[in-house]
Amino acid sequence: MTPPWTLELLSFHWGDAYLLSYARDRWVALRRDKHSFLTAGTLDELEAAIRSDYGRNPVPRDFDPPIEADNPDEPGEAAEWEWEEYGDLDEADGGKDQALDPEMQTILRDLRQLFPFWLITYSPQLGAWVAKSQFGTICENSATLVRIALTRIEQRRREESGN
């Protein structure tokens, strides 16, 4: 009998094809090609669902996080980058950050300083970090995973713009 799946083991085997997360008492796997997502109550069930989904329709394994929107006027061309800097959200969020413990407040402040073009919040109800911009939303249960995703997106954006 195989041992139960762990998040680390599942990420090792499937992380380049699926984004893995936990939200609202369910494990979630989002295909990196964005064709669908899978949910399950346990990691073992999620692995079985991933294996089945991948067997029917393999996910290309060279996906990076999405960073650009298609320009409807010129198919295939990247849209112009027009960032909106969100600035100091500590006052703008109506004091919600004050309900977080000091360590969480520090992490949130640091993430906002590192990525000023993203609206970054923490949802205690979901137990998740959420980053939003005009290019999409990232939701992860770890500040580290949000930072990694945003770093990759920013690097890709710089590469594509030639800066």
N, C-alpha and C. Protein backbone atom coordinates (compact mmCIF):
# COMPACT_ATOMS: atom_id res chain seq x y z
N MET A 1 0.85 -1.18 0.00
CA MET A 1 0.00 0.00 0.00
C MET A 1 0.89 1.25 0.00
N THR A 2 0.51 2.24 -0.80
CA THR A 2 1.31 3.46 -0.87
C THR A 2 1.01 4.35 0.33
N PRO A 3 2.04 5.07 0.81
CA PRO A 3 1.80 5.98 1.93
C PRO A 3 0.90 7.13 1.50
N PRO A 4 0.26 7.81 2.46
CA PRO A 4 -0.62 8.94 2.09
C PRO A 4 0.20 10.06 1.44
N TRP A 5 -0.44 10.75 0.55
CA TRP A 5 0.21 11.87 -0.13
C TRP A 5 0.36 13.04 0.83
N THR A 6 1.48 13.76 0.72
CA THR A 6 1.69 15.01 1.43
C THR A 6 1.68 16.13 0.40
N LEU A 7 1.51 17.35 0.85
CA LEU A 7 1.51 18.48 -0.08
C LEU A 7 2.87 18.58 -0.79
N GLU A 8 3.95 18.34 -0.05
CA GLU A 8 5.28 18.42 -0.65
C GLU A 8 5.45 17.37 -1.75
N LEU A 9 5.00 16.16 -1.49
CA LEU A 9 5.12 15.08 -2.46
C LEU A 9 4.24 15.36 -3.69
N LEU A 10 3.04 15.83 -3.45
CA LEU A 10 2.13 16.16 -4.54
C LEU A 10 2.72 17.31 -5.39
N SER A 11 3.29 18.31 -4.72
CA SER A 11 3.92 19.43 -5.43
C SER A 11 5.10 18.96 -6.26
N PHE A 12 5.88 18.03 -5.71
CA PHE A 12 7.04 17.51 -6.43
C PHE A 12 6.60 16.81 -7.72
N HIS A 13 5.56 16.00 -7.63
CA HIS A 13 5.11 15.23 -8.79
C HIS A 13 4.26 16.03 -9.77
N TRP A 14 3.44 16.94 -9.26
CA TRP A 14 2.45 17.59 -10.13
C TRP A 14 2.54 19.12 -10.14
N GLY A 15 3.43 19.71 -9.38
CA GLY A 15 3.48 21.17 -9.24
C GLY A 15 3.80 21.94 -10.50
N ASP A 16 4.46 21.31 -11.47
CA ASP A 16 4.73 22.02 -12.71
C ASP A 16 3.55 21.97 -13.67
N ALA A 17 2.54 21.20 -13.36
CA ALA A 17 1.34 21.12 -14.21
C ALA A 17 0.10 21.69 -13.53
N TYR A 18 0.08 21.69 -12.20
CA TYR A 18 -1.09 22.15 -11.44
C TYR A 18 -0.64 23.07 -10.30
N LEU A 19 -1.39 24.13 -10.05
CA LEU A 19 -1.20 24.97 -8.88
C LEU A 19 -2.02 24.34 -7.76
N LEU A 20 -1.41 24.10 -6.62
CA LEU A 20 -2.08 23.42 -5.52
C LEU A 20 -2.36 24.39 -4.41
N SER A 21 -3.52 24.25 -3.80
CA SER A 21 -3.89 25.15 -2.71
C SER A 21 -4.95 24.46 -1.84
N TYR A 22 -5.23 25.09 -0.72
CA TYR A 22 -6.26 24.61 0.19
C TYR A 22 -7.14 25.80 0.55
N ALA A 23 -8.42 25.70 0.31
CA ALA A 23 -9.34 26.79 0.61
C ALA A 23 -10.71 26.22 0.95
N ARG A 24 -11.30 26.80 1.96
CA ARG A 24 -12.67 26.43 2.36
C ARG A 24 -12.83 24.93 2.56
N ASP A 25 -11.92 24.35 3.31
CA ASP A 25 -11.96 22.93 3.66
C ASP A 25 -11.86 21.99 2.47
N ARG A 26 -11.27 22.44 1.38
CA ARG A 26 -11.10 21.61 0.19
C ARG A 26 -9.70 21.81 -0.37
N TRP A 27 -9.10 20.74 -0.88
CA TRP A 27 -7.87 20.83 -1.63
C TRP A 27 -8.23 21.16 -3.07
N VAL A 28 -7.44 22.04 -3.68
CA VAL A 28 -7.73 22.51 -5.03
C VAL A 28 -6.48 22.37 -5.89
N ALA A 29 -6.66 21.90 -7.11
CA ALA A 29 -5.59 21.85 -8.11
C ALA A 29 -6.08 22.59 -9.34
N LEU A 30 -5.42 23.69 -9.68
CA LEU A 30 -5.76 24.47 -10.86
C LEU A 30 -4.77 24.11 -11.96
N ARG A 31 -5.31 23.65 -13.08
CA ARG A 31 -4.43 23.35 -14.21
C ARG A 31 -3.70 24.62 -14.62
N ARG A 32 -2.42 24.51 -14.88
CA ARG A 32 -1.64 25.69 -15.27
C ARG A 32 -2.03 26.21 -16.64
N ASP A 33 -2.71 25.41 -17.46
CA ASP A 33 -3.20 25.91 -18.73
C ASP A 33 -4.59 26.53 -18.58
N LYS A 34 -5.08 26.57 -17.34
CA LYS A 34 -6.33 27.22 -16.96
C LYS A 34 -7.57 26.62 -17.62
N HIS A 35 -7.52 25.37 -18.03
CA HIS A 35 -8.69 24.75 -18.63
C HIS A 35 -9.71 24.31 -17.60
N SER A 36 -9.26 23.99 -16.40
CA SER A 36 -10.20 23.58 -15.36
C SER A 36 -9.47 23.50 -14.02
N PHE A 37 -10.24 23.20 -12.99
CA PHE A 37 -9.64 22.95 -11.69
C PHE A 37 -10.32 21.74 -11.08
N LEU A 38 -9.64 21.14 -10.13
CA LEU A 38 -10.13 19.94 -9.45
C LEU A 38 -10.21 20.23 -7.97
N THR A 39 -11.16 19.60 -7.28
CA THR A 39 -11.24 19.73 -5.83
C THR A 39 -11.38 18.35 -5.21
N ALA A 40 -10.95 18.26 -3.95
CA ALA A 40 -11.04 16.99 -3.23
C ALA A 40 -10.98 17.27 -1.74
N GLY A 41 -11.46 16.32 -0.97
CA GLY A 41 -11.44 16.45 0.48
C GLY A 41 -10.11 16.09 1.11
N THR A 42 -9.33 15.24 0.44
CA THR A 42 -8.03 14.83 0.96
C THR A 42 -6.99 14.92 -0.15
N LEU A 43 -5.72 14.91 0.25
CA LEU A 43 -4.65 14.93 -0.75
C LEU A 43 -4.63 13.65 -1.57
N ASP A 44 -4.96 12.51 -0.95
CA ASP A 44 -5.02 11.26 -1.71
C ASP A 44 -6.09 11.34 -2.80
N GLU A 45 -7.25 11.89 -2.47
CA GLU A 45 -8.31 12.05 -3.45
C GLU A 45 -7.91 13.04 -4.54
N LEU A 46 -7.21 14.10 -4.14
CA LEU A 46 -6.76 15.10 -5.12
C LEU A 46 -5.75 14.48 -6.08
N GLU A 47 -4.82 13.68 -5.58
CA GLU A 47 -3.84 13.04 -6.44
C GLU A 47 -4.52 12.12 -7.44
N ALA A 48 -5.51 11.37 -6.99
CA ALA A 48 -6.24 10.48 -7.89
C ALA A 48 -6.98 11.30 -8.97
N ALA A 49 -7.57 12.41 -8.57
CA ALA A 49 -8.27 13.27 -9.54
C ALA A 49 -7.29 13.88 -10.53
N ILE A 50 -6.11 14.30 -10.05
CA ILE A 50 -5.09 14.86 -10.94
C ILE A 50 -4.62 13.80 -11.94
N ARG A 51 -4.32 12.60 -11.42
CA ARG A 51 -3.85 11.53 -12.29
C ARG A 51 -4.89 11.23 -13.38
N SER A 52 -6.15 11.18 -13.01
CA SER A 52 -7.22 10.93 -13.97
C SER A 52 -7.33 12.06 -15.00
N ASP A 53 -7.33 13.30 -14.50
CA ASP A 53 -7.44 14.47 -15.37
C ASP A 53 -6.25 14.53 -16.33
N TYR A 54 -5.07 14.33 -15.80
CA TYR A 54 -3.85 14.38 -16.62
C TYR A 54 -3.84 13.26 -17.66
N GLY A 55 -4.36 12.09 -17.29
CA GLY A 55 -4.43 10.98 -18.23
C GLY A 55 -5.36 11.27 -19.40
N ARG A 56 -6.46 11.96 -19.13
CA ARG A 56 -7.41 12.31 -20.19
C ARG A 56 -6.90 13.45 -21.06
N ASN A 57 -6.25 14.43 -20.42
CA ASN A 57 -5.83 15.64 -21.13
C ASN A 57 -4.57 16.20 -20.46
N PRO A 58 -3.38 15.75 -20.87
CA PRO A 58 -2.14 16.18 -20.22
C PRO A 58 -1.96 17.69 -20.25
N VAL A 59 -1.42 18.23 -19.17
CA VAL A 59 -1.13 19.65 -19.04
C VAL A 59 0.30 19.88 -19.51
N PRO A 60 0.53 20.82 -20.42
CA PRO A 60 1.92 21.14 -20.76
C PRO A 60 2.67 21.53 -19.49
N ARG A 61 3.88 21.10 -19.36
CA ARG A 61 4.63 21.32 -18.12
C ARG A 61 5.59 22.48 -18.19
N ASP A 62 5.37 23.40 -19.10
CA ASP A 62 6.26 24.55 -19.20
C ASP A 62 5.53 25.86 -18.94
N PHE A 63 4.47 25.82 -18.14
CA PHE A 63 3.69 27.01 -17.86
C PHE A 63 4.31 27.83 -16.74
N ASP A 64 4.32 29.14 -16.91
CA ASP A 64 4.63 30.09 -15.85
C ASP A 64 3.32 30.72 -15.44
N PRO A 65 3.27 31.42 -14.31
CA PRO A 65 2.03 32.09 -13.95
C PRO A 65 1.61 33.07 -15.03
N PRO A 66 0.31 33.23 -15.24
CA PRO A 66 -0.16 34.16 -16.26
C PRO A 66 0.23 35.58 -15.91
N ILE A 67 0.68 36.37 -16.92
CA ILE A 67 1.09 37.73 -16.61
C ILE A 67 0.55 38.77 -17.57
N GLU A 68 -0.04 38.35 -18.66
CA GLU A 68 -0.48 39.34 -19.60
C GLU A 68 -1.88 39.02 -20.11
N ALA A 69 -2.58 40.07 -20.46
CA ALA A 69 -3.91 39.90 -21.04
C ALA A 69 -3.79 40.03 -22.55
N ASP A 70 -4.64 39.33 -23.25
CA ASP A 70 -4.63 39.46 -24.70
C ASP A 70 -5.29 40.78 -25.09
N ASN A 71 -4.74 41.39 -26.11
CA ASN A 71 -5.31 42.62 -26.64
C ASN A 71 -6.38 42.22 -27.65
N PRO A 72 -7.66 42.52 -27.36
CA PRO A 72 -8.72 42.08 -28.26
C PRO A 72 -8.62 42.68 -29.66
N ASP A 73 -7.97 43.85 -29.78
CA ASP A 73 -7.84 44.48 -31.09
C ASP A 73 -6.77 43.85 -31.95
N GLU A 74 -5.75 43.28 -31.31
CA GLU A 74 -4.64 42.68 -32.04
C GLU A 74 -4.36 41.30 -31.47
N PRO A 75 -5.05 40.26 -31.94
CA PRO A 75 -4.82 38.92 -31.42
C PRO A 75 -3.36 38.52 -31.51
N GLY A 76 -2.88 37.91 -30.46
CA GLY A 76 -1.50 37.45 -30.43
C GLY A 76 -0.52 38.50 -29.95
N GLU A 77 -0.92 39.75 -29.86
CA GLU A 77 -0.04 40.79 -29.37
C GLU A 77 -0.30 41.04 -27.89
N ALA A 78 0.74 41.32 -27.14
CA ALA A 78 0.59 41.59 -25.71
C ALA A 78 -0.02 42.97 -25.51
N ALA A 79 -0.87 43.06 -24.52
CA ALA A 79 -1.46 44.35 -24.18
C ALA A 79 -0.39 45.24 -23.56
N GLU A 80 -0.57 46.55 -23.65
CA GLU A 80 0.35 47.49 -23.02
C GLU A 80 0.28 47.33 -21.50
N TRP A 81 1.42 47.47 -20.87
CA TRP A 81 1.48 47.37 -19.41
C TRP A 81 1.14 48.72 -18.82
N GLU A 82 0.05 48.78 -18.12
CA GLU A 82 -0.35 50.01 -17.45
C GLU A 82 -0.60 49.68 -16.00
N TRP A 83 0.43 49.82 -15.21
CA TRP A 83 0.35 49.48 -13.80
C TRP A 83 -0.30 50.59 -13.00
N GLU A 84 -1.06 50.20 -12.03
CA GLU A 84 -1.60 51.15 -11.06
C GLU A 84 -0.94 50.83 -9.74
N GLU A 85 -0.22 51.81 -9.20
CA GLU A 85 0.42 51.58 -7.92
C GLU A 85 -0.61 51.77 -6.82
N TYR A 86 -0.72 50.79 -5.94
CA TYR A 86 -1.75 50.83 -4.91
C TYR A 86 -1.37 51.67 -3.72
N GLY A 87 -0.08 51.92 -3.52
CA GLY A 87 0.35 52.80 -2.46
C GLY A 87 0.13 52.24 -1.08
N ASP A 88 -0.08 53.13 -0.12
CA ASP A 88 -0.19 52.74 1.28
C ASP A 88 -1.60 52.23 1.58
N LEU A 89 -1.73 50.93 1.72
CA LEU A 89 -3.04 50.33 1.95
C LEU A 89 -3.37 50.20 3.42
N ASP A 90 -2.42 50.50 4.30
CA ASP A 90 -2.67 50.34 5.72
C ASP A 90 -3.87 51.18 6.16
N GLU A 91 -4.02 52.37 5.56
CA GLU A 91 -5.19 53.19 5.89
C GLU A 91 -6.36 52.88 4.96
N ALA A 92 -6.06 52.47 3.75
CA ALA A 92 -7.10 52.28 2.74
C ALA A 92 -7.99 51.07 3.00
N ASP A 93 -7.53 50.11 3.79
CA ASP A 93 -8.33 48.90 3.99
C ASP A 93 -9.29 49.02 5.16
N GLY A 94 -9.46 50.22 5.68
CA GLY A 94 -10.42 50.43 6.75
C GLY A 94 -10.01 49.82 8.07
N GLY A 95 -8.73 49.61 8.28
CA GLY A 95 -8.25 49.09 9.56
C GLY A 95 -8.30 47.59 9.70
N LYS A 96 -8.62 46.86 8.65
CA LYS A 96 -8.69 45.40 8.73
C LYS A 96 -7.35 44.79 9.11
N ASP A 97 -6.25 45.41 8.64
CA ASP A 97 -4.92 44.88 8.97
C ASP A 97 -4.64 44.94 10.46
N GLN A 98 -5.28 45.86 11.16
CA GLN A 98 -5.04 46.00 12.60
C GLN A 98 -5.50 44.78 13.37
N ALA A 99 -6.41 44.00 12.81
CA ALA A 99 -6.90 42.80 13.48
C ALA A 99 -5.90 41.65 13.40
N LEU A 100 -4.89 41.78 12.52
CA LEU A 100 -3.88 40.74 12.37
C LEU A 100 -2.83 40.87 13.47
N ASP A 101 -2.19 39.76 13.79
CA ASP A 101 -1.14 39.83 14.80
C ASP A 101 0.06 40.59 14.21
N PRO A 102 0.96 41.10 15.06
CA PRO A 102 2.07 41.94 14.58
C PRO A 102 2.94 41.27 13.51
N GLU A 103 3.18 39.97 13.63
CA GLU A 103 4.00 39.29 12.63
C GLU A 103 3.31 39.30 11.27
N MET A 104 2.01 39.03 11.25
CA MET A 104 1.26 39.04 9.99
C MET A 104 1.23 40.45 9.40
N GLN A 105 1.09 41.46 10.24
CA GLN A 105 1.10 42.85 9.77
C GLN A 105 2.44 43.18 9.11
N THR A 106 3.52 42.70 9.72
CA THR A 106 4.86 42.95 9.18
C THR A 106 5.02 42.27 7.83
N ILE A 107 4.59 41.02 7.72
CA ILE A 107 4.67 40.29 6.45
C ILE A 107 3.87 41.00 5.38
N LEU A 108 2.66 41.44 5.73
CA LEU A 108 1.81 42.14 4.78
C LEU A 108 2.45 43.44 4.32
N ARG A 109 3.00 44.21 5.26
CA ARG A 109 3.66 45.47 4.92
C ARG A 109 4.85 45.22 3.99
N ASP A 110 5.64 44.18 4.29
CA ASP A 110 6.81 43.87 3.47
C ASP A 110 6.41 43.45 2.05
N LEU A 111 5.39 42.61 1.94
CA LEU A 111 4.91 42.20 0.62
C LEU A 111 4.43 43.41 -0.19
N ARG A 112 3.73 44.31 0.47
CA ARG A 112 3.22 45.50 -0.23
C ARG A 112 4.35 46.40 -0.69
N GLN A 113 5.43 46.49 0.11
CA GLN A 113 6.57 47.29 -0.30
C GLN A 113 7.31 46.65 -1.47
N LEU A 114 7.42 45.33 -1.45
CA LEU A 114 8.11 44.62 -2.53
C LEU A 114 7.34 44.65 -3.84
N PHE A 115 6.01 44.64 -3.75
CA PHE A 115 5.16 44.55 -4.94
C PHE A 115 4.08 45.65 -4.89
N PRO A 116 4.49 46.91 -5.13
CA PRO A 116 3.55 48.03 -4.99
C PRO A 116 2.44 48.05 -6.03
N PHE A 117 2.57 47.26 -7.08
CA PHE A 117 1.56 47.26 -8.14
C PHE A 117 0.52 46.17 -7.93
N TRP A 118 0.56 45.55 -6.79
CA TRP A 118 -0.39 44.49 -6.45
C TRP A 118 -1.14 44.88 -5.18
N LEU A 119 -2.43 44.63 -5.17
CA LEU A 119 -3.25 44.82 -3.98
C LEU A 119 -3.14 43.53 -3.19
N ILE A 120 -2.43 43.56 -2.07
CA ILE A 120 -2.15 42.36 -1.30
C ILE A 120 -2.87 42.44 0.05
N THR A 121 -3.62 41.38 0.36
CA THR A 121 -4.35 41.31 1.62
C THR A 121 -4.21 39.91 2.21
N TYR A 122 -4.63 39.78 3.44
CA TYR A 122 -4.71 38.47 4.07
C TYR A 122 -6.14 38.26 4.52
N SER A 123 -6.72 37.10 4.18
CA SER A 123 -8.09 36.78 4.56
C SER A 123 -8.07 35.74 5.67
N PRO A 124 -8.36 36.14 6.92
CA PRO A 124 -8.40 35.16 8.00
C PRO A 124 -9.49 34.11 7.80
N GLN A 125 -10.60 34.49 7.16
CA GLN A 125 -11.68 33.55 6.92
C GLN A 125 -11.22 32.40 6.02
N LEU A 126 -10.43 32.73 4.99
CA LEU A 126 -9.92 31.72 4.07
C LEU A 126 -8.59 31.16 4.54
N GLY A 127 -7.92 31.88 5.44
CA GLY A 127 -6.57 31.49 5.82
C GLY A 127 -5.64 31.61 4.64
N ALA A 128 -5.84 32.65 3.81
CA ALA A 128 -5.10 32.76 2.55
C ALA A 128 -4.62 34.19 2.32
N TRP A 129 -3.49 34.27 1.63
CA TRP A 129 -2.93 35.53 1.16
C TRP A 129 -3.45 35.75 -0.25
N VAL A 130 -3.92 36.96 -0.55
CA VAL A 130 -4.51 37.26 -1.85
C VAL A 130 -3.79 38.46 -2.44
N ALA A 131 -3.35 38.32 -3.69
CA ALA A 131 -2.71 39.41 -4.42
C ALA A 131 -3.50 39.63 -5.71
N LYS A 132 -3.91 40.88 -5.94
CA LYS A 132 -4.71 41.21 -7.13
C LYS A 132 -4.03 42.32 -7.91
N SER A 133 -4.17 42.24 -9.22
CA SER A 133 -3.76 43.32 -10.11
C SER A 133 -4.66 43.24 -11.34
N GLN A 134 -4.38 44.10 -12.31
CA GLN A 134 -5.18 44.07 -13.54
C GLN A 134 -4.95 42.78 -14.31
N PHE A 135 -3.93 42.02 -13.97
CA PHE A 135 -3.60 40.81 -14.70
C PHE A 135 -4.16 39.55 -14.07
N GLY A 136 -4.76 39.66 -12.90
CA GLY A 136 -5.34 38.49 -12.29
C GLY A 136 -5.21 38.49 -10.78
N THR A 137 -5.56 37.38 -10.19
CA THR A 137 -5.56 37.20 -8.76
C THR A 137 -4.78 35.94 -8.40
N ILE A 138 -3.98 36.06 -7.36
CA ILE A 138 -3.24 34.93 -6.82
C ILE A 138 -3.74 34.72 -5.41
N CYS A 139 -4.06 33.49 -5.06
CA CYS A 139 -4.53 33.17 -3.72
C CYS A 139 -3.75 31.95 -3.25
N GLU A 140 -2.99 32.11 -2.17
CA GLU A 140 -2.17 31.03 -1.63
C GLU A 140 -2.30 31.02 -0.11
N ASN A 141 -2.06 29.86 0.49
CA ASN A 141 -2.14 29.78 1.95
C ASN A 141 -0.84 30.13 2.62
N SER A 142 0.13 30.59 1.86
CA SER A 142 1.44 30.94 2.40
C SER A 142 1.93 32.24 1.78
N ALA A 143 2.45 33.14 2.62
CA ALA A 143 3.02 34.39 2.13
C ALA A 143 4.22 34.09 1.23
N THR A 144 4.94 33.04 1.53
CA THR A 144 6.10 32.66 0.73
C THR A 144 5.68 32.28 -0.68
N LEU A 145 4.60 31.51 -0.82
CA LEU A 145 4.12 31.13 -2.15
C LEU A 145 3.65 32.34 -2.94
N VAL A 146 3.01 33.30 -2.27
CA VAL A 146 2.58 34.53 -2.95
C VAL A 146 3.81 35.29 -3.43
N ARG A 147 4.83 35.38 -2.57
CA ARG A 147 6.04 36.10 -2.95
C ARG A 147 6.73 35.43 -4.14
N ILE A 148 6.81 34.12 -4.14
CA ILE A 148 7.43 33.40 -5.26
C ILE A 148 6.66 33.66 -6.55
N ALA A 149 5.34 33.54 -6.50
CA ALA A 149 4.52 33.75 -7.70
C ALA A 149 4.67 35.18 -8.22
N LEU A 150 4.61 36.16 -7.33
CA LEU A 150 4.73 37.56 -7.75
C LEU A 150 6.12 37.85 -8.29
N THR A 151 7.14 37.27 -7.70
CA THR A 151 8.51 37.45 -8.19
C THR A 151 8.64 36.91 -9.61
N ARG A 152 8.10 35.73 -9.85
CA ARG A 152 8.15 35.14 -11.19
C ARG A 152 7.39 35.99 -12.20
N ILE A 153 6.25 36.49 -11.81
CA ILE A 153 5.45 37.33 -12.70
C ILE A 153 6.21 38.61 -13.03
N GLU A 154 6.78 39.25 -12.02
CA GLU A 154 7.53 40.49 -12.22
C GLU A 154 8.75 40.25 -13.11
N GLN A 155 9.46 39.16 -12.89
CA GLN A 155 10.63 38.85 -13.71
C GLN A 155 10.21 38.65 -15.16
N ARG A 156 9.16 37.91 -15.37
CA ARG A 156 8.67 37.66 -16.72
C ARG A 156 8.24 38.96 -17.39
N ARG A 157 7.56 39.82 -16.65
CA ARG A 157 7.12 41.11 -17.19
C ARG A 157 8.33 41.94 -17.62
N ARG A 158 9.37 41.97 -16.79
CA ARG A 158 10.58 42.73 -17.13
C ARG A 158 11.27 42.15 -18.37
N GLU A 159 11.33 40.83 -18.45
CA GLU A 159 11.96 40.18 -19.60
C GLU A 159 11.22 40.53 -20.89
N GLU A 160 9.90 40.49 -20.83
CA GLU A 160 9.10 40.76 -22.02
C GLU A 160 9.13 42.23 -22.44
N SER A 161 9.30 43.12 -21.46
CA SER A 161 9.34 44.54 -21.80
C SER A 161 10.76 45.00 -22.12
N GLY A 162 11.75 44.11 -21.92
CA GLY A 162 13.14 44.44 -22.25
C GLY A 162 13.84 45.27 -21.20
N ASN A 163 13.28 45.35 -19.99
CA ASN A 163 13.92 46.13 -18.90
C ASN A 163 14.66 45.23 -17.95
